[in-house]
Amino acid sequence: MAIRTFICAATITCAVAAQADPLVVFAAASLKEPMDVLAAVHGDTVVSYGGSGLLARQILQGAPADVVVLAHPQWMDALGDLAQDRVDLLGNELVLIGPAGPTIALTPEAVGVALGEGRLALGLTKAVPAGQYAAEALTTLGLWDGVQGQLAEVDSVRAALSLVARGEAPLGITYASDAQAEDQVDILATFPPDSHAPITYPAARISNDARATAFLVLLASTEGQTIFAEAGFVPLVAP
């Protein structure tokens, strides 16, 4: 009887512990400020931030995410049927940033002068969405050949932002929302929307936890979209 009582008690304890596990959200690094707010609104939620390519690969390898929000449709496409209830949540703008200063023209001459002998900080051009969009925009505008030998490719758009904010790179390419989140940088130029593919943040449910569905609903709600808009994102979900 004592053994049975112990087993029952242990089983109940394990069940309670399982129910108490927080909702796990994987989110693109550029989403940090508004996503932190929304995680607090939802409650019992933890968010893991990183480059979208890295997050997608971790999920494909079995990482226990309940919800994922990425910064490029390509990486959500890579998840295939794992991505359930998918929705295009947000948009953004691609910008050239510097520590401070006047705006500049997006021409080889102007960018070359501003860059000097320094490095252009941006996300990995083969894996980080902001880096992918940047490479496309630089190529479209005829800037790629002049800067490709001076790239500082890093593992997330926030790492690129930090290099410029700390003065370790004179220029960087990030999203407008990143520049808004950092007082130590200015937007020097905005890349034309037609110079790169539309910047789209898709969101999806990975697990069958009912809380995952509720969190997606929150992200797409008027409250959620307002929080994102205040952080510099472009809401894509109609109220």
Protein backbone atom coordinates (compact mmCIF):
# COMPACT_ATOMS: atom_id res chain seq x y z
CA MET A 1 0.00 0.00 0.00
CA ALA A 2 2.83 2.42 0.84
CA ILE A 3 4.50 1.72 -2.52
CA ARG A 4 1.21 2.26 -4.37
CA THR A 5 0.64 5.52 -2.46
CA PHE A 6 4.13 6.70 -3.37
CA ILE A 7 3.64 5.84 -7.05
CA CYS A 8 0.29 7.67 -7.15
CA ALA A 9 1.77 10.71 -5.44
CA ALA A 10 4.72 10.75 -7.83
CA THR A 11 2.39 10.44 -10.81
CA ILE A 12 0.27 13.36 -9.61
CA THR A 13 3.38 15.44 -8.98
CA CYS A 14 4.69 14.71 -12.48
CA ALA A 15 1.34 15.58 -14.03
CA VAL A 16 1.21 18.90 -12.20
CA ALA A 17 4.80 19.64 -13.25
CA ALA A 18 3.96 18.88 -16.87
CA GLN A 19 0.97 21.19 -16.75
CA ALA A 20 3.17 23.91 -15.26
CA ASP A 21 5.67 23.88 -18.15
CA PRO A 22 5.66 27.32 -19.80
CA LEU A 23 4.68 27.85 -23.40
CA VAL A 24 7.86 27.95 -25.51
CA VAL A 25 8.02 30.46 -28.35
CA PHE A 26 10.85 30.61 -30.91
CA ALA A 27 11.05 34.10 -32.42
CA ALA A 28 13.27 36.03 -34.80
CA ALA A 29 15.75 38.23 -32.90
CA SER A 30 14.28 41.43 -34.35
CA LEU A 31 11.01 40.78 -32.50
CA LYS A 32 12.44 40.95 -28.99
CA GLU A 33 10.90 44.11 -27.52
CA PRO A 34 7.26 43.63 -28.60
CA MET A 35 7.42 39.86 -28.14
CA ASP A 36 8.63 40.27 -24.56
CA VAL A 37 5.59 42.48 -23.92
CA LEU A 38 3.19 39.99 -25.50
CA ALA A 39 4.72 37.05 -23.64
CA ALA A 40 4.09 38.93 -20.38
CA VAL A 41 0.50 39.68 -21.45
CA HIS A 42 -0.10 36.02 -22.25
CA GLY A 43 1.66 34.78 -19.12
CA ASP A 44 3.52 31.54 -18.47
CA THR A 45 5.49 32.00 -21.70
CA VAL A 46 9.21 31.93 -22.44
CA VAL A 47 10.71 33.18 -25.70
CA SER A 48 13.92 31.98 -27.33
CA TYR A 49 15.36 34.48 -29.83
CA GLY A 50 17.76 33.91 -32.70
CA GLY A 51 18.29 34.00 -36.43
CA SER A 52 15.33 32.55 -38.30
CA GLY A 53 17.42 29.97 -40.16
CA LEU A 54 18.93 28.69 -36.93
CA LEU A 55 15.54 28.51 -35.21
CA ALA A 56 13.99 26.63 -38.13
CA ARG A 57 16.83 24.10 -38.15
CA GLN A 58 16.49 23.58 -34.38
CA ILE A 59 12.78 22.84 -34.76
CA LEU A 60 13.47 20.40 -37.61
CA GLN A 61 15.93 18.66 -35.30
CA GLY A 62 13.26 18.26 -32.62
CA ALA A 63 13.62 21.34 -30.42
CA PRO A 64 10.46 21.62 -28.24
CA ALA A 65 8.88 24.82 -29.56
CA ASP A 66 5.14 25.45 -29.24
CA VAL A 67 4.95 28.58 -31.43
CA VAL A 68 7.37 30.00 -33.98
CA VAL A 69 7.57 33.48 -35.54
CA LEU A 70 10.22 33.92 -38.22
CA ALA A 71 11.39 36.85 -40.35
CA HIS A 72 11.28 35.16 -43.77
CA PRO A 73 8.69 32.89 -45.44
CA GLN A 74 11.51 30.68 -46.74
CA TRP A 75 12.32 29.41 -43.28
CA MET A 76 8.68 28.78 -42.40
CA ASP A 77 8.33 26.91 -45.70
CA ALA A 78 11.25 24.72 -44.58
CA LEU A 79 9.19 23.54 -41.59
CA GLY A 80 6.55 22.06 -43.89
CA ASP A 81 3.69 20.37 -42.09
CA LEU A 82 5.23 21.14 -38.70
CA ALA A 83 3.98 24.73 -39.12
CA GLN A 84 0.25 24.70 -38.35
CA ASP A 85 -2.27 27.58 -38.51
CA ARG A 86 0.29 29.67 -40.36
CA VAL A 87 -0.41 33.38 -40.72
CA ASP A 88 1.55 36.28 -42.26
CA LEU A 89 1.77 38.46 -39.18
CA LEU A 90 3.99 41.48 -39.85
CA GLY A 91 6.03 43.46 -42.32
CA ASN A 92 9.05 45.75 -41.91
CA GLU A 93 11.41 48.12 -43.72
CA LEU A 94 15.07 47.52 -44.53
CA VAL A 95 17.35 50.41 -43.54
CA LEU A 96 20.98 51.49 -43.60
CA ILE A 97 22.12 52.59 -40.14
CA GLY A 98 25.09 54.44 -38.68
CA PRO A 99 26.09 55.73 -35.23
CA ALA A 100 24.74 59.20 -36.12
CA GLY A 101 24.74 61.63 -38.96
CA PRO A 102 22.85 62.96 -41.96
CA THR A 103 21.00 60.78 -44.43
CA ILE A 104 22.95 59.52 -47.44
CA ALA A 105 22.03 58.45 -50.95
CA LEU A 106 22.06 54.74 -51.73
CA THR A 107 24.70 55.08 -54.45
CA PRO A 108 28.07 53.31 -54.70
CA GLU A 109 29.89 56.62 -54.23
CA ALA A 110 27.94 57.80 -51.16
CA VAL A 111 27.97 54.41 -49.45
CA GLY A 112 31.66 53.97 -50.21
CA VAL A 113 32.53 57.32 -48.61
CA ALA A 114 30.43 56.57 -45.51
CA LEU A 115 31.92 53.10 -45.17
CA GLY A 116 35.53 54.15 -45.65
CA GLU A 117 37.85 51.35 -44.56
CA GLY A 118 35.29 49.97 -42.12
CA ARG A 119 32.90 47.04 -42.28
CA LEU A 120 29.25 46.86 -43.26
CA ALA A 121 27.47 44.90 -40.51
CA LEU A 122 24.59 42.67 -41.57
CA GLY A 123 23.08 39.29 -40.89
CA LEU A 124 24.44 36.19 -42.60
CA THR A 125 23.45 36.60 -46.22
CA LYS A 126 22.68 32.89 -46.64
CA ALA A 127 20.77 32.27 -43.41
CA VAL A 128 19.59 35.40 -41.56
CA PRO A 129 16.55 37.02 -43.22
CA ALA A 130 17.78 40.60 -42.75
CA GLY A 131 21.03 39.55 -44.39
CA GLN A 132 19.18 37.83 -47.22
CA TYR A 133 17.04 40.90 -47.88
CA ALA A 134 20.15 43.09 -47.63
CA ALA A 135 22.11 41.09 -50.19
CA GLU A 136 19.17 41.28 -52.58
CA ALA A 137 18.74 45.03 -52.11
CA LEU A 138 22.46 45.75 -52.46
CA THR A 139 22.55 43.74 -55.68
CA THR A 140 19.45 45.42 -57.09
CA LEU A 141 20.83 48.89 -56.39
CA GLY A 142 24.27 48.12 -57.83
CA LEU A 143 26.00 48.35 -54.46
CA TRP A 144 27.04 44.73 -53.95
CA ASP A 145 30.33 44.76 -55.85
CA GLY A 146 31.55 47.79 -53.92
CA VAL A 147 30.84 46.41 -50.43
CA GLN A 148 31.16 42.62 -50.63
CA GLY A 149 34.80 42.75 -49.59
CA GLN A 150 33.93 44.72 -46.45
CA LEU A 151 31.04 42.73 -45.04
CA ALA A 152 30.83 41.79 -41.36
CA GLU A 153 28.28 38.96 -41.48
CA VAL A 154 26.86 37.98 -38.08
CA ASP A 155 24.36 35.46 -36.78
CA SER A 156 21.40 37.77 -36.22
CA VAL A 157 20.18 41.23 -37.15
CA ARG A 158 20.54 42.28 -33.51
CA ALA A 159 24.23 41.36 -33.60
CA ALA A 160 24.62 43.65 -36.63
CA LEU A 161 22.78 46.40 -34.74
CA SER A 162 25.13 46.00 -31.77
CA LEU A 163 28.25 46.32 -33.93
CA VAL A 164 27.09 49.71 -35.19
CA ALA A 165 25.79 50.86 -31.79
CA ARG A 166 29.19 50.10 -30.22
CA GLY A 167 31.03 51.92 -33.01
CA GLU A 168 32.71 48.73 -34.24
CA ALA A 169 31.22 49.16 -37.72
CA PRO A 170 30.43 52.51 -39.38
CA LEU A 171 27.40 51.16 -41.24
CA GLY A 172 24.93 48.34 -40.86
CA ILE A 173 21.77 47.02 -42.46
CA THR A 174 18.86 46.18 -40.18
CA TYR A 175 15.12 46.54 -40.02
CA ALA A 176 13.54 49.88 -39.17
CA SER A 177 12.18 48.36 -35.97
CA ASP A 178 15.72 47.47 -34.83
CA ALA A 179 16.90 51.03 -35.39
CA GLN A 180 13.93 52.30 -33.38
CA ALA A 181 14.94 50.05 -30.48
CA GLU A 182 18.51 51.39 -30.26
CA ASP A 183 19.26 55.01 -29.27
CA GLN A 184 22.88 54.81 -30.41
CA VAL A 185 22.10 54.50 -34.12
CA ASP A 186 20.37 56.60 -36.77
CA ILE A 187 18.63 55.57 -39.97
CA LEU A 188 20.80 56.96 -42.78
CA ALA A 189 18.73 55.59 -45.66
CA THR A 190 15.74 53.35 -46.32
CA PHE A 191 16.00 50.76 -49.07
CA PRO A 192 13.22 51.02 -51.66
CA PRO A 193 10.58 48.29 -51.16
CA ASP A 194 11.04 47.13 -54.75
CA SER A 195 14.77 46.51 -54.22
CA HIS A 196 14.07 43.29 -52.31
CA ALA A 197 11.33 40.74 -51.68
CA PRO A 198 8.57 41.89 -49.32
CA ILE A 199 9.66 41.55 -45.69
CA THR A 200 7.17 39.17 -44.11
CA TYR A 201 7.07 37.63 -40.65
CA PRO A 202 5.00 34.40 -40.69
CA ALA A 203 3.84 32.85 -37.42
CA ALA A 204 2.68 29.29 -36.79
CA ARG A 205 1.79 26.76 -34.14
CA ILE A 206 4.17 23.81 -33.76
CA SER A 207 2.60 21.92 -30.86
CA ASN A 208 -0.99 20.93 -30.18
CA ASP A 209 -1.02 22.76 -26.84
CA ALA A 210 -4.19 24.86 -26.65
CA ARG A 211 -2.09 27.71 -25.27
CA ALA A 212 -0.19 27.81 -28.57
CA THR A 213 -3.41 28.57 -30.42
CA ALA A 214 -4.31 31.22 -27.84
CA PHE A 215 -0.90 32.88 -28.25
CA LEU A 216 -1.29 33.01 -32.04
CA VAL A 217 -4.68 34.63 -31.55
CA LEU A 218 -3.07 37.23 -29.26
CA LEU A 219 -0.34 38.01 -31.82
CA ALA A 220 -2.94 38.61 -34.54
CA SER A 221 -5.36 40.51 -32.31
CA THR A 222 -5.82 44.27 -32.36
CA GLU A 223 -3.86 44.45 -29.10
CA GLY A 224 -1.01 42.38 -30.49
CA GLN A 225 -0.82 44.25 -33.78
CA THR A 226 -0.86 47.58 -31.96
CA ILE A 227 2.07 46.53 -29.77
CA PHE A 228 4.03 45.50 -32.87
CA ALA A 229 3.15 48.74 -34.67
CA GLU A 230 4.41 50.81 -31.73
CA ALA A 231 7.72 48.94 -32.00
CA GLY A 232 8.11 49.91 -35.67
CA PHE A 233 6.62 46.88 -37.42
CA VAL A 234 3.97 46.95 -40.14
CA PRO A 235 0.83 45.01 -39.11
CA LEU A 236 -0.43 42.66 -41.82
CA VAL A 237 -3.46 41.17 -40.06
CA ALA A 238 -6.67 43.12 -40.62
CA PRO A 239 -8.52 43.99 -37.37
